[in-house]
Amino acid sequence: MPLPETMFCAQQIKIPPELPDILKQFTIAAIRTQPRDVLQWAAAYFSALSKGEPLPVKERIEKPLAMEKTDIGLTPGLLKILHKQLSPKGMVNVVELKEKWKHLCLPEEQLNAILQLDNFGEELEWMKFLALGCSMLSKSLLSSMKHACEILTRDPEGGAARIPFETFSFLYSYLASIDGEIPEEKTESFLHGIKEQALFVLTTSGHLHFMMINRVFA
């Protein structure tokens, strides 16, 4: 025989004082991130929140990329989330990467396509994966670097998107080597030209101004 349903009055129901703000922030995060699978993403969100880890949340709602026909794959905003979660490790276990990828409701076949671009083992260098991820978002090497600068920069959104020249040089050289059709001499000449043209930036801050690159090589 089922037990009678217990009735409570308003005075007996205690709402944790932090609950409304938690739910409010979760709702804002879900709207901003637009996950394909809300339940799967929510589980990852609250797991990260309870552990004090970077949340799987975009900084803003994204407009679809011009090259996207459907909004189902990797975007700059999602790649930036992965960067915040995994970059502190330097070397990342592929199993953990796959877990974070799944949390963002991204297609597994797209991750496999990226991993096949290099001979990764059980671990990979995060900055190399970031570079390959940027290449999946673009149709050219320079566009890939633009995405990388915008993800890595500490400048405010819409600003100069500056990054250290050494970082730019590493990512560009790596993507050029993966491409396989760009001679090493051409890569070195390109980077030397950027460093010369952006010298006034490099000597004061040690960072490379991506807008300067566009002016020199557009």
N, C-alpha and C. Protein backbone atom coordinates (compact mmCIF):
# COMPACT_ATOMS: atom_id res chain seq x y z
N MET A 1 0.85 -1.19 0.00
CA MET A 1 0.00 0.00 0.00
C MET A 1 0.88 1.24 0.00
N PRO A 2 0.69 2.15 -0.98
CA PRO A 2 1.55 3.34 -1.05
C PRO A 2 1.36 4.23 0.16
N LEU A 3 2.45 4.84 0.59
CA LEU A 3 2.38 5.77 1.71
C LEU A 3 1.65 7.04 1.31
N PRO A 4 0.94 7.64 2.20
CA PRO A 4 0.24 8.89 1.87
C PRO A 4 1.24 9.99 1.55
N GLU A 5 0.90 10.81 0.60
CA GLU A 5 1.79 11.90 0.19
C GLU A 5 1.91 12.91 1.31
N THR A 6 3.16 13.24 1.66
CA THR A 6 3.40 14.19 2.74
C THR A 6 3.15 15.61 2.26
N MET A 7 2.46 16.38 3.04
CA MET A 7 2.16 17.77 2.71
C MET A 7 3.05 18.68 3.55
N PHE A 8 3.62 19.68 2.90
CA PHE A 8 4.45 20.64 3.60
C PHE A 8 3.85 22.04 3.44
N CYS A 9 4.02 22.82 4.47
CA CYS A 9 3.62 24.22 4.36
C CYS A 9 4.85 25.04 3.97
N ALA A 10 4.64 26.28 3.56
CA ALA A 10 5.73 27.12 3.07
C ALA A 10 6.82 27.30 4.11
N GLN A 11 6.45 27.34 5.38
CA GLN A 11 7.42 27.55 6.45
C GLN A 11 8.36 26.36 6.61
N GLN A 12 7.92 25.17 6.17
CA GLN A 12 8.74 23.97 6.33
C GLN A 12 9.74 23.76 5.19
N ILE A 13 9.53 24.45 4.08
CA ILE A 13 10.40 24.27 2.91
C ILE A 13 11.54 25.27 2.98
N LYS A 14 12.74 24.78 3.08
CA LYS A 14 13.92 25.63 3.15
C LYS A 14 14.68 25.57 1.84
N ILE A 15 14.80 26.71 1.20
CA ILE A 15 15.54 26.81 -0.06
C ILE A 15 16.96 27.28 0.24
N PRO A 16 17.99 26.50 -0.15
CA PRO A 16 19.37 26.95 0.08
C PRO A 16 19.58 28.34 -0.49
N PRO A 17 20.14 29.25 0.29
CA PRO A 17 20.27 30.64 -0.17
C PRO A 17 21.07 30.80 -1.47
N GLU A 18 22.01 29.88 -1.75
CA GLU A 18 22.83 30.00 -2.95
C GLU A 18 22.16 29.40 -4.19
N LEU A 19 21.06 28.66 -3.99
CA LEU A 19 20.44 27.95 -5.11
C LEU A 19 19.94 28.88 -6.22
N PRO A 20 19.22 29.97 -5.91
CA PRO A 20 18.73 30.83 -7.01
C PRO A 20 19.85 31.35 -7.90
N ASP A 21 20.98 31.77 -7.30
CA ASP A 21 22.08 32.31 -8.10
C ASP A 21 22.74 31.21 -8.92
N ILE A 22 22.87 29.99 -8.35
CA ILE A 22 23.44 28.87 -9.09
C ILE A 22 22.61 28.57 -10.33
N LEU A 23 21.31 28.52 -10.14
CA LEU A 23 20.42 28.22 -11.27
C LEU A 23 20.41 29.36 -12.29
N LYS A 24 20.51 30.58 -11.80
CA LYS A 24 20.56 31.73 -12.72
C LYS A 24 21.81 31.68 -13.58
N GLN A 25 22.97 31.44 -12.94
CA GLN A 25 24.22 31.38 -13.68
C GLN A 25 24.24 30.20 -14.65
N PHE A 26 23.67 29.08 -14.24
CA PHE A 26 23.58 27.91 -15.12
C PHE A 26 22.74 28.23 -16.35
N THR A 27 21.62 28.90 -16.15
CA THR A 27 20.74 29.24 -17.27
C THR A 27 21.43 30.19 -18.24
N ILE A 28 22.13 31.18 -17.70
CA ILE A 28 22.87 32.12 -18.56
C ILE A 28 23.94 31.37 -19.35
N ALA A 29 24.64 30.46 -18.68
CA ALA A 29 25.71 29.69 -19.33
C ALA A 29 25.15 28.81 -20.44
N ALA A 30 23.99 28.19 -20.19
CA ALA A 30 23.39 27.32 -21.20
C ALA A 30 22.95 28.12 -22.42
N ILE A 31 22.39 29.29 -22.20
CA ILE A 31 21.95 30.13 -23.31
C ILE A 31 23.16 30.61 -24.12
N ARG A 32 24.23 30.97 -23.41
CA ARG A 32 25.43 31.48 -24.07
C ARG A 32 26.14 30.39 -24.86
N THR A 33 26.16 29.17 -24.33
CA THR A 33 26.93 28.08 -24.94
C THR A 33 26.12 27.32 -25.99
N GLN A 34 24.80 27.25 -25.82
CA GLN A 34 23.93 26.57 -26.78
C GLN A 34 24.37 25.12 -27.02
N PRO A 35 24.47 24.29 -25.97
CA PRO A 35 24.91 22.90 -26.16
C PRO A 35 23.88 22.09 -26.95
N ARG A 36 24.36 21.16 -27.74
CA ARG A 36 23.45 20.29 -28.51
C ARG A 36 22.71 19.34 -27.59
N ASP A 37 23.37 18.85 -26.56
CA ASP A 37 22.76 17.95 -25.59
C ASP A 37 22.82 18.63 -24.23
N VAL A 38 21.72 19.23 -23.82
CA VAL A 38 21.72 20.03 -22.60
C VAL A 38 22.01 19.18 -21.37
N LEU A 39 21.45 17.98 -21.29
CA LEU A 39 21.67 17.13 -20.12
C LEU A 39 23.13 16.71 -19.99
N GLN A 40 23.74 16.31 -21.10
CA GLN A 40 25.15 15.90 -21.06
C GLN A 40 26.03 17.07 -20.69
N TRP A 41 25.74 18.22 -21.27
CA TRP A 41 26.53 19.41 -20.97
C TRP A 41 26.31 19.85 -19.52
N ALA A 42 25.07 19.75 -19.03
CA ALA A 42 24.76 20.16 -17.66
C ALA A 42 25.53 19.30 -16.65
N ALA A 43 25.65 18.00 -16.93
CA ALA A 43 26.40 17.12 -16.05
C ALA A 43 27.86 17.57 -15.97
N ALA A 44 28.44 17.93 -17.13
CA ALA A 44 29.82 18.41 -17.15
C ALA A 44 29.95 19.76 -16.44
N TYR A 45 28.93 20.60 -16.61
CA TYR A 45 28.94 21.94 -16.00
C TYR A 45 28.98 21.83 -14.47
N PHE A 46 28.07 21.06 -13.91
CA PHE A 46 28.00 20.97 -12.45
C PHE A 46 29.15 20.17 -11.87
N SER A 47 29.68 19.21 -12.63
CA SER A 47 30.86 18.49 -12.18
C SER A 47 32.05 19.44 -12.07
N ALA A 48 32.25 20.27 -13.09
CA ALA A 48 33.35 21.24 -13.07
C ALA A 48 33.13 22.27 -11.96
N LEU A 49 31.89 22.71 -11.78
CA LEU A 49 31.57 23.69 -10.75
C LEU A 49 31.90 23.15 -9.36
N SER A 50 31.56 21.88 -9.11
CA SER A 50 31.80 21.29 -7.79
C SER A 50 33.29 21.08 -7.52
N LYS A 51 34.09 20.91 -8.61
CA LYS A 51 35.52 20.67 -8.45
C LYS A 51 36.35 21.94 -8.56
N GLY A 52 35.69 23.07 -8.85
CA GLY A 52 36.43 24.32 -9.01
C GLY A 52 37.25 24.38 -10.28
N GLU A 53 36.84 23.62 -11.29
CA GLU A 53 37.54 23.59 -12.58
C GLU A 53 36.93 24.59 -13.55
N PRO A 54 37.66 24.96 -14.62
CA PRO A 54 37.08 25.85 -15.63
C PRO A 54 35.78 25.28 -16.19
N LEU A 55 34.77 26.10 -16.27
CA LEU A 55 33.46 25.64 -16.71
C LEU A 55 33.40 25.51 -18.24
N PRO A 56 32.62 24.58 -18.74
CA PRO A 56 32.47 24.42 -20.20
C PRO A 56 31.50 25.44 -20.77
N VAL A 57 31.86 26.71 -20.65
CA VAL A 57 30.95 27.81 -21.00
C VAL A 57 31.63 28.78 -21.96
N LYS A 58 30.94 29.13 -23.03
CA LYS A 58 31.46 30.13 -23.96
C LYS A 58 31.43 31.52 -23.31
N GLU A 59 32.31 32.39 -23.77
CA GLU A 59 32.33 33.75 -23.25
C GLU A 59 31.17 34.57 -23.79
N ARG A 60 30.66 34.18 -24.94
CA ARG A 60 29.54 34.90 -25.56
C ARG A 60 28.86 33.98 -26.56
N ILE A 61 27.66 34.34 -26.98
CA ILE A 61 26.97 33.60 -28.03
C ILE A 61 27.71 33.84 -29.34
N GLU A 62 27.93 32.77 -30.10
CA GLU A 62 28.68 32.87 -31.35
C GLU A 62 27.75 32.92 -32.55
N LYS A 63 28.18 33.70 -33.53
CA LYS A 63 27.54 33.63 -34.84
C LYS A 63 28.17 32.48 -35.61
N PRO A 64 27.39 31.77 -36.43
CA PRO A 64 27.98 30.67 -37.21
C PRO A 64 29.08 31.18 -38.13
N LEU A 65 30.15 30.39 -38.27
CA LEU A 65 31.21 30.74 -39.21
C LEU A 65 30.67 30.71 -40.62
N ALA A 66 31.24 31.53 -41.50
CA ALA A 66 30.78 31.60 -42.88
C ALA A 66 30.91 30.27 -43.58
N MET A 67 31.91 29.46 -43.18
CA MET A 67 32.16 28.19 -43.85
C MET A 67 31.29 27.07 -43.29
N GLU A 68 30.53 27.35 -42.21
CA GLU A 68 29.72 26.32 -41.60
C GLU A 68 28.37 26.22 -42.31
N LYS A 69 27.96 25.00 -42.66
CA LYS A 69 26.65 24.76 -43.22
C LYS A 69 25.65 24.41 -42.12
N THR A 70 26.15 23.77 -41.08
CA THR A 70 25.32 23.43 -39.93
C THR A 70 26.11 23.69 -38.66
N ASP A 71 25.42 24.05 -37.62
CA ASP A 71 26.08 24.39 -36.37
C ASP A 71 26.20 23.16 -35.48
N ILE A 72 27.06 22.21 -35.87
CA ILE A 72 27.17 20.97 -35.11
C ILE A 72 28.60 20.67 -34.70
N GLY A 73 29.57 21.43 -35.15
CA GLY A 73 30.95 21.09 -34.89
C GLY A 73 31.70 22.12 -34.10
N LEU A 74 33.02 22.00 -34.16
CA LEU A 74 33.92 22.87 -33.43
C LEU A 74 33.76 24.32 -33.87
N THR A 75 33.82 25.23 -32.90
CA THR A 75 33.78 26.66 -33.16
C THR A 75 34.92 27.32 -32.38
N PRO A 76 35.27 28.56 -32.70
CA PRO A 76 36.31 29.23 -31.92
C PRO A 76 35.98 29.29 -30.43
N GLY A 77 34.72 29.53 -30.12
CA GLY A 77 34.32 29.60 -28.71
C GLY A 77 34.50 28.29 -27.98
N LEU A 78 34.16 27.17 -28.63
CA LEU A 78 34.32 25.86 -28.01
C LEU A 78 35.80 25.48 -27.88
N LEU A 79 36.59 25.86 -28.89
CA LEU A 79 38.02 25.58 -28.82
C LEU A 79 38.66 26.38 -27.70
N LYS A 80 38.15 27.58 -27.46
CA LYS A 80 38.68 28.40 -26.37
C LYS A 80 38.34 27.78 -25.01
N ILE A 81 37.16 27.16 -24.91
CA ILE A 81 36.81 26.45 -23.68
C ILE A 81 37.82 25.33 -23.42
N LEU A 82 38.09 24.53 -24.45
CA LEU A 82 39.05 23.44 -24.31
C LEU A 82 40.43 23.97 -23.92
N HIS A 83 40.80 25.12 -24.49
CA HIS A 83 42.10 25.72 -24.17
C HIS A 83 42.16 26.09 -22.69
N LYS A 84 41.11 26.67 -22.16
CA LYS A 84 41.10 27.05 -20.75
C LYS A 84 41.17 25.81 -19.85
N GLN A 85 40.53 24.73 -20.29
CA GLN A 85 40.47 23.52 -19.47
C GLN A 85 41.77 22.72 -19.52
N LEU A 86 42.41 22.69 -20.68
CA LEU A 86 43.52 21.75 -20.89
C LEU A 86 44.90 22.38 -21.03
N SER A 87 44.97 23.65 -21.41
CA SER A 87 46.28 24.26 -21.64
C SER A 87 47.19 24.28 -20.41
N PRO A 88 46.66 24.43 -19.18
CA PRO A 88 47.57 24.43 -18.03
C PRO A 88 48.38 23.15 -17.88
N LYS A 89 47.91 22.06 -18.46
CA LYS A 89 48.60 20.78 -18.35
C LYS A 89 49.82 20.69 -19.26
N GLY A 90 49.81 21.45 -20.36
CA GLY A 90 50.92 21.35 -21.32
C GLY A 90 50.79 20.10 -22.17
N MET A 91 51.06 18.94 -21.57
CA MET A 91 50.86 17.65 -22.22
C MET A 91 49.52 17.08 -21.75
N VAL A 92 48.70 16.68 -22.70
CA VAL A 92 47.33 16.25 -22.39
C VAL A 92 47.12 14.80 -22.79
N ASN A 93 46.53 14.03 -21.90
CA ASN A 93 46.17 12.66 -22.20
C ASN A 93 45.01 12.65 -23.18
N VAL A 94 45.11 11.84 -24.22
CA VAL A 94 44.08 11.80 -25.26
C VAL A 94 42.74 11.37 -24.69
N VAL A 95 42.77 10.48 -23.70
CA VAL A 95 41.52 10.03 -23.08
C VAL A 95 40.80 11.21 -22.42
N GLU A 96 41.55 12.06 -21.72
CA GLU A 96 40.95 13.23 -21.08
C GLU A 96 40.44 14.21 -22.13
N LEU A 97 41.19 14.39 -23.21
CA LEU A 97 40.74 15.25 -24.28
C LEU A 97 39.42 14.77 -24.86
N LYS A 98 39.31 13.47 -25.07
CA LYS A 98 38.07 12.91 -25.61
C LYS A 98 36.91 13.14 -24.65
N GLU A 99 37.18 13.07 -23.36
CA GLU A 99 36.14 13.30 -22.36
C GLU A 99 35.65 14.75 -22.41
N LYS A 100 36.59 15.70 -22.45
CA LYS A 100 36.22 17.11 -22.51
C LYS A 100 35.49 17.42 -23.83
N TRP A 101 35.93 16.80 -24.90
CA TRP A 101 35.31 16.96 -26.21
C TRP A 101 33.84 16.50 -26.15
N LYS A 102 33.63 15.37 -25.52
CA LYS A 102 32.28 14.82 -25.38
C LYS A 102 31.40 15.73 -24.53
N HIS A 103 31.97 16.30 -23.49
CA HIS A 103 31.22 17.21 -22.62
C HIS A 103 30.65 18.39 -23.39
N LEU A 104 31.35 18.80 -24.45
CA LEU A 104 30.90 19.93 -25.27
C LEU A 104 29.98 19.47 -26.40
N CYS A 105 29.63 18.19 -26.38
CA CYS A 105 28.68 17.63 -27.35
C CYS A 105 29.19 17.76 -28.79
N LEU A 106 30.50 17.63 -28.96
CA LEU A 106 31.10 17.73 -30.29
C LEU A 106 31.18 16.35 -30.93
N PRO A 107 31.10 16.27 -32.25
CA PRO A 107 31.12 14.97 -32.93
C PRO A 107 32.48 14.28 -32.81
N GLU A 108 32.46 13.01 -32.45
CA GLU A 108 33.68 12.24 -32.25
C GLU A 108 34.50 12.14 -33.54
N GLU A 109 33.81 12.05 -34.68
CA GLU A 109 34.53 11.91 -35.94
C GLU A 109 35.37 13.14 -36.26
N GLN A 110 34.95 14.31 -35.79
CA GLN A 110 35.74 15.52 -36.02
C GLN A 110 37.02 15.49 -35.18
N LEU A 111 36.91 15.02 -33.95
CA LEU A 111 38.10 14.89 -33.11
C LEU A 111 39.08 13.89 -33.73
N ASN A 112 38.57 12.77 -34.20
CA ASN A 112 39.43 11.77 -34.82
C ASN A 112 40.13 12.33 -36.05
N ALA A 113 39.42 13.16 -36.82
CA ALA A 113 40.01 13.77 -38.01
C ALA A 113 41.17 14.68 -37.63
N ILE A 114 41.04 15.40 -36.52
CA ILE A 114 42.13 16.28 -36.07
C ILE A 114 43.31 15.45 -35.59
N LEU A 115 43.05 14.41 -34.82
CA LEU A 115 44.12 13.59 -34.27
C LEU A 115 44.91 12.88 -35.37
N GLN A 116 44.25 12.60 -36.48
CA GLN A 116 44.92 11.91 -37.57
C GLN A 116 45.87 12.81 -38.36
N LEU A 117 45.83 14.10 -38.10
CA LEU A 117 46.70 15.03 -38.82
C LEU A 117 48.15 14.95 -38.36
N ASP A 118 48.37 14.35 -37.18
CA ASP A 118 49.74 14.18 -36.68
C ASP A 118 49.84 12.81 -36.02
N ASN A 119 51.05 12.40 -35.73
CA ASN A 119 51.27 11.08 -35.14
C ASN A 119 51.25 11.18 -33.61
N PHE A 120 50.07 11.42 -33.06
CA PHE A 120 49.95 11.52 -31.62
C PHE A 120 49.87 10.13 -30.99
N GLY A 121 50.44 10.03 -29.79
CA GLY A 121 50.33 8.79 -29.04
C GLY A 121 49.24 8.91 -28.00
N GLU A 122 49.52 8.41 -26.79
CA GLU A 122 48.54 8.50 -25.71
C GLU A 122 48.47 9.90 -25.14
N GLU A 123 49.51 10.68 -25.37
CA GLU A 123 49.53 12.08 -24.93
C GLU A 123 49.87 12.97 -26.11
N LEU A 124 49.46 14.23 -26.01
CA LEU A 124 49.78 15.18 -27.07
C LEU A 124 50.11 16.54 -26.46
N GLU A 125 50.88 17.30 -27.22
CA GLU A 125 51.21 18.66 -26.79
C GLU A 125 50.01 19.55 -27.08
N TRP A 126 49.47 20.19 -26.04
CA TRP A 126 48.22 20.92 -26.23
C TRP A 126 48.31 22.00 -27.31
N MET A 127 49.39 22.75 -27.35
CA MET A 127 49.50 23.85 -28.31
C MET A 127 49.46 23.33 -29.74
N LYS A 128 49.95 22.13 -29.98
CA LYS A 128 49.86 21.55 -31.32
C LYS A 128 48.42 21.20 -31.65
N PHE A 129 47.70 20.66 -30.68
CA PHE A 129 46.29 20.35 -30.93
C PHE A 129 45.51 21.63 -31.16
N LEU A 130 45.81 22.67 -30.40
CA LEU A 130 45.14 23.96 -30.59
C LEU A 130 45.35 24.46 -32.02
N ALA A 131 46.58 24.37 -32.49
CA ALA A 131 46.89 24.81 -33.85
C ALA A 131 46.09 24.02 -34.88
N LEU A 132 46.01 22.71 -34.69
CA LEU A 132 45.25 21.87 -35.63
C LEU A 132 43.76 22.18 -35.55
N GLY A 133 43.29 22.46 -34.35
CA GLY A 133 41.88 22.85 -34.20
C GLY A 133 41.58 24.13 -34.94
N CYS A 134 42.49 25.10 -34.85
CA CYS A 134 42.31 26.36 -35.58
C CYS A 134 42.31 26.12 -37.09
N SER A 135 43.12 25.16 -37.54
CA SER A 135 43.17 24.87 -38.98
C SER A 135 41.85 24.26 -39.46
N MET A 136 41.13 23.57 -38.57
CA MET A 136 39.83 23.00 -38.93
C MET A 136 38.76 24.08 -39.07
N LEU A 137 39.03 25.25 -38.50
CA LEU A 137 38.07 26.34 -38.55
C LEU A 137 38.29 27.26 -39.74
N SER A 138 39.34 27.03 -40.50
CA SER A 138 39.77 27.99 -41.52
C SER A 138 40.07 27.30 -42.84
N LYS A 139 40.18 28.13 -43.87
CA LYS A 139 40.54 27.63 -45.20
C LYS A 139 41.96 28.02 -45.59
N SER A 140 42.63 28.77 -44.73
CA SER A 140 44.00 29.18 -45.05
C SER A 140 44.83 29.20 -43.78
N LEU A 141 46.14 29.17 -43.94
CA LEU A 141 47.05 29.18 -42.80
C LEU A 141 46.95 30.49 -42.03
N LEU A 142 46.86 31.59 -42.76
CA LEU A 142 46.78 32.89 -42.11
C LEU A 142 45.49 33.03 -41.31
N SER A 143 44.38 32.51 -41.85
CA SER A 143 43.11 32.54 -41.12
C SER A 143 43.19 31.67 -39.86
N SER A 144 43.90 30.55 -39.96
CA SER A 144 44.10 29.69 -38.79
C SER A 144 44.84 30.45 -37.70
N MET A 145 45.85 31.21 -38.10
CA MET A 145 46.62 31.97 -37.13
C MET A 145 45.80 33.09 -36.51
N LYS A 146 44.90 33.64 -37.29
CA LYS A 146 44.00 34.68 -36.75
C LYS A 146 43.15 34.10 -35.62
N HIS A 147 42.60 32.90 -35.84
CA HIS A 147 41.83 32.24 -34.79
C HIS A 147 42.70 31.98 -33.57
N ALA A 148 43.93 31.52 -33.80
CA ALA A 148 44.83 31.22 -32.69
C ALA A 148 45.12 32.47 -31.86
N CYS A 149 45.38 33.57 -32.55
CA CYS A 149 45.65 34.83 -31.83
C CYS A 149 44.45 35.25 -31.00
N GLU A 150 43.26 35.12 -31.55
CA GLU A 150 42.06 35.55 -30.84
C GLU A 150 41.76 34.66 -29.65
N ILE A 151 42.14 33.40 -29.72
CA ILE A 151 41.94 32.48 -28.60
C ILE A 151 42.99 32.69 -27.51
N LEU A 152 44.22 32.95 -27.92
CA LEU A 152 45.34 33.02 -26.97
C LEU A 152 45.54 34.40 -26.35
N THR A 153 45.06 35.45 -27.00
CA THR A 153 45.36 36.80 -26.54
C THR A 153 44.74 37.09 -25.18
N ARG A 154 45.39 37.99 -24.47
CA ARG A 154 44.84 38.49 -23.21
C ARG A 154 44.22 39.87 -23.40
N ASP A 155 44.25 40.37 -24.62
CA ASP A 155 43.63 41.66 -24.92
C ASP A 155 42.11 41.54 -24.83
N PRO A 156 41.43 42.64 -24.56
CA PRO A 156 39.96 42.61 -24.54
C PRO A 156 39.41 42.21 -25.90
N GLU A 157 38.21 41.65 -25.89
CA GLU A 157 37.58 41.24 -27.14
C GLU A 157 37.46 42.42 -28.10
N GLY A 158 37.81 42.19 -29.35
CA GLY A 158 37.77 43.26 -30.34
C GLY A 158 39.03 44.09 -30.37
N GLY A 159 39.99 43.77 -29.50
CA GLY A 159 41.25 44.51 -29.43
C GLY A 159 42.27 44.00 -30.43
N ALA A 160 43.53 44.22 -30.12
CA ALA A 160 44.60 43.92 -31.06
C ALA A 160 44.87 42.42 -31.22
N ALA A 161 44.41 41.60 -30.28
CA ALA A 161 44.66 40.15 -30.31
C ALA A 161 46.15 39.84 -30.38
N ARG A 162 46.90 40.45 -29.45
CA ARG A 162 48.35 40.25 -29.41
C ARG A 162 48.71 38.95 -28.70
N ILE A 163 49.75 38.29 -29.20
CA ILE A 163 50.31 37.12 -28.52
C ILE A 163 51.84 37.23 -28.64
N PRO A 164 52.58 36.52 -27.79
CA PRO A 164 54.05 36.55 -27.90
C PRO A 164 54.50 36.05 -29.28
N PHE A 165 55.51 36.70 -29.84
CA PHE A 165 55.99 36.31 -31.16
C PHE A 165 56.46 34.86 -31.17
N GLU A 166 57.09 34.42 -30.07
CA GLU A 166 57.57 33.04 -30.01
C GLU A 166 56.41 32.05 -30.14
N THR A 167 55.27 32.39 -29.55
CA THR A 167 54.10 31.52 -29.65
C THR A 167 53.58 31.49 -31.08
N PHE A 168 53.49 32.67 -31.69
CA PHE A 168 53.03 32.75 -33.08
C PHE A 168 53.96 31.95 -33.99
N SER A 169 55.26 32.13 -33.78
CA SER A 169 56.24 31.45 -34.62
C SER A 169 56.12 29.94 -34.49
N PHE A 170 55.95 29.44 -33.26
CA PHE A 170 55.81 28.00 -33.04
C PHE A 170 54.58 27.45 -33.75
N LEU A 171 53.43 28.11 -33.57
CA LEU A 171 52.19 27.62 -34.17
C LEU A 171 52.24 27.68 -35.69
N TYR A 172 52.76 28.78 -36.21
CA TYR A 172 52.82 28.92 -37.67
C TYR A 172 53.75 27.87 -38.28
N SER A 173 54.91 27.69 -37.67
CA SER A 173 55.88 26.72 -38.18
C SER A 173 55.30 25.31 -38.13
N TYR A 174 54.60 25.01 -37.06
CA TYR A 174 54.01 23.67 -36.92
C TYR A 174 52.96 23.43 -37.99
N LEU A 175 52.05 24.38 -38.18
CA LEU A 175 51.00 24.20 -39.19
C LEU A 175 51.59 24.14 -40.60
N ALA A 176 52.64 24.91 -40.83
CA ALA A 176 53.29 24.87 -42.15
C ALA A 176 53.91 23.50 -42.40
N SER A 177 54.48 22.90 -41.35
CA SER A 177 55.07 21.58 -41.51
C SER A 177 54.01 20.51 -41.72
N ILE A 178 52.86 20.66 -41.07
CA ILE A 178 51.76 19.71 -41.25
C ILE A 178 51.20 19.83 -42.66
N ASP A 179 51.16 21.05 -43.18
CA ASP A 179 50.66 21.28 -44.54
C ASP A 179 51.49 20.50 -45.55
N GLY A 180 52.79 20.52 -45.36
CA GLY A 180 53.69 19.72 -46.20
C GLY A 180 54.01 20.31 -47.55
N GLU A 181 53.35 21.41 -47.91
CA GLU A 181 53.59 22.01 -49.22
C GLU A 181 54.28 23.37 -49.12
N ILE A 182 54.59 23.79 -47.91
CA ILE A 182 55.25 25.08 -47.72
C ILE A 182 56.72 24.83 -47.39
N PRO A 183 57.64 25.26 -48.24
CA PRO A 183 59.07 25.05 -47.98
C PRO A 183 59.50 25.72 -46.68
N GLU A 184 60.43 25.10 -45.99
CA GLU A 184 60.90 25.65 -44.72
C GLU A 184 61.48 27.05 -44.89
N GLU A 185 62.15 27.28 -46.05
CA GLU A 185 62.73 28.60 -46.30
C GLU A 185 61.65 29.67 -46.39
N LYS A 186 60.52 29.31 -46.98
CA LYS A 186 59.42 30.26 -47.11
C LYS A 186 58.82 30.57 -45.75
N THR A 187 58.71 29.57 -44.91
CA THR A 187 58.19 29.78 -43.55
C THR A 187 59.10 30.72 -42.77
N GLU A 188 60.41 30.47 -42.85
CA GLU A 188 61.36 31.31 -42.13
C GLU A 188 61.34 32.74 -42.66
N SER A 189 61.21 32.89 -43.98
CA SER A 189 61.15 34.22 -44.57
C SER A 189 59.91 34.96 -44.12
N PHE A 190 58.78 34.27 -44.07
CA PHE A 190 57.52 34.85 -43.62
C PHE A 190 57.64 35.37 -42.20
N LEU A 191 58.16 34.52 -41.31
CA LEU A 191 58.27 34.90 -39.90
C LEU A 191 59.27 36.03 -39.71
N HIS A 192 60.35 36.00 -40.48
CA HIS A 192 61.33 37.09 -40.39
C HIS A 192 60.71 38.41 -40.83
N GLY A 193 59.91 38.36 -41.89
CA GLY A 193 59.26 39.57 -42.38
C GLY A 193 58.29 40.14 -41.35
N ILE A 194 57.54 39.27 -40.68
CA ILE A 194 56.62 39.73 -39.65
C ILE A 194 57.38 40.39 -38.51
N LYS A 195 58.44 39.75 -38.09
CA LYS A 195 59.21 40.28 -36.95
C LYS A 195 59.81 41.63 -37.28
N GLU A 196 60.27 41.80 -38.51
CA GLU A 196 60.83 43.08 -38.92
C GLU A 196 59.76 44.17 -38.98
N GLN A 197 58.61 43.85 -39.58
CA GLN A 197 57.56 44.84 -39.76
C GLN A 197 56.89 45.21 -38.43
N ALA A 198 56.86 44.26 -37.50
CA ALA A 198 56.21 44.51 -36.21
C ALA A 198 57.23 44.81 -35.12
N LEU A 199 58.42 45.25 -35.51
CA LEU A 199 59.51 45.43 -34.57
C LEU A 199 59.14 46.40 -33.45
N PHE A 200 58.41 47.47 -33.80
CA PHE A 200 58.09 48.46 -32.79
C PHE A 200 57.18 47.89 -31.71
N VAL A 201 56.39 46.88 -32.05
CA VAL A 201 55.56 46.21 -31.05
C VAL A 201 56.39 45.24 -30.23
N LEU A 202 57.24 44.48 -30.91
CA LEU A 202 58.02 43.46 -30.24
C LEU A 202 59.01 44.05 -29.24
N THR A 203 59.57 45.19 -29.56
CA THR A 203 60.59 45.76 -28.68
C THR A 203 59.98 46.34 -27.41
N THR A 204 58.71 46.68 -27.41
CA THR A 204 58.10 47.27 -26.23
C THR A 204 57.35 46.28 -25.38
N SER A 205 56.71 45.30 -26.01
CA SER A 205 55.88 44.38 -25.22
C SER A 205 56.20 42.92 -25.44
N GLY A 206 56.98 42.60 -26.49
CA GLY A 206 57.28 41.21 -26.77
C GLY A 206 56.12 40.46 -27.38
N HIS A 207 55.09 41.18 -27.81
CA HIS A 207 53.91 40.55 -28.39
C HIS A 207 53.76 40.95 -29.85
N LEU A 208 53.10 40.08 -30.58
CA LEU A 208 52.88 40.31 -32.00
C LEU A 208 51.46 40.79 -32.22
N HIS A 209 51.31 41.83 -32.98
CA HIS A 209 50.02 42.46 -33.25
C HIS A 209 49.46 41.84 -34.53
N PHE A 210 48.37 41.09 -34.43
CA PHE A 210 47.87 40.39 -35.61
C PHE A 210 47.37 41.36 -36.68
N MET A 211 46.84 42.51 -36.29
CA MET A 211 46.40 43.48 -37.28
C MET A 211 47.57 43.96 -38.13
N MET A 212 48.76 44.00 -37.52
CA MET A 212 49.97 44.37 -38.26
C MET A 212 50.26 43.31 -39.32
N ILE A 213 50.08 42.03 -38.98
CA ILE A 213 50.30 40.95 -39.96
C ILE A 213 49.38 41.12 -41.15
N ASN A 214 48.14 41.43 -40.89
CA ASN A 214 47.19 41.61 -41.99
C ASN A 214 47.61 42.74 -42.90
N ARG A 215 48.14 43.82 -42.34
CA ARG A 215 48.54 44.95 -43.17
C ARG A 215 49.76 44.61 -44.03
N VAL A 216 50.65 43.80 -43.46
CA VAL A 216 51.89 43.49 -44.18
C VAL A 216 51.66 42.43 -45.27
N PHE A 217 50.81 41.45 -44.97
CA PHE A 217 50.71 40.30 -45.86
C PHE A 217 49.35 40.13 -46.51
N ALA A 218 48.48 41.12 -46.38
CA ALA A 218 47.15 41.00 -47.00
C ALA A 218 47.28 41.01 -48.51
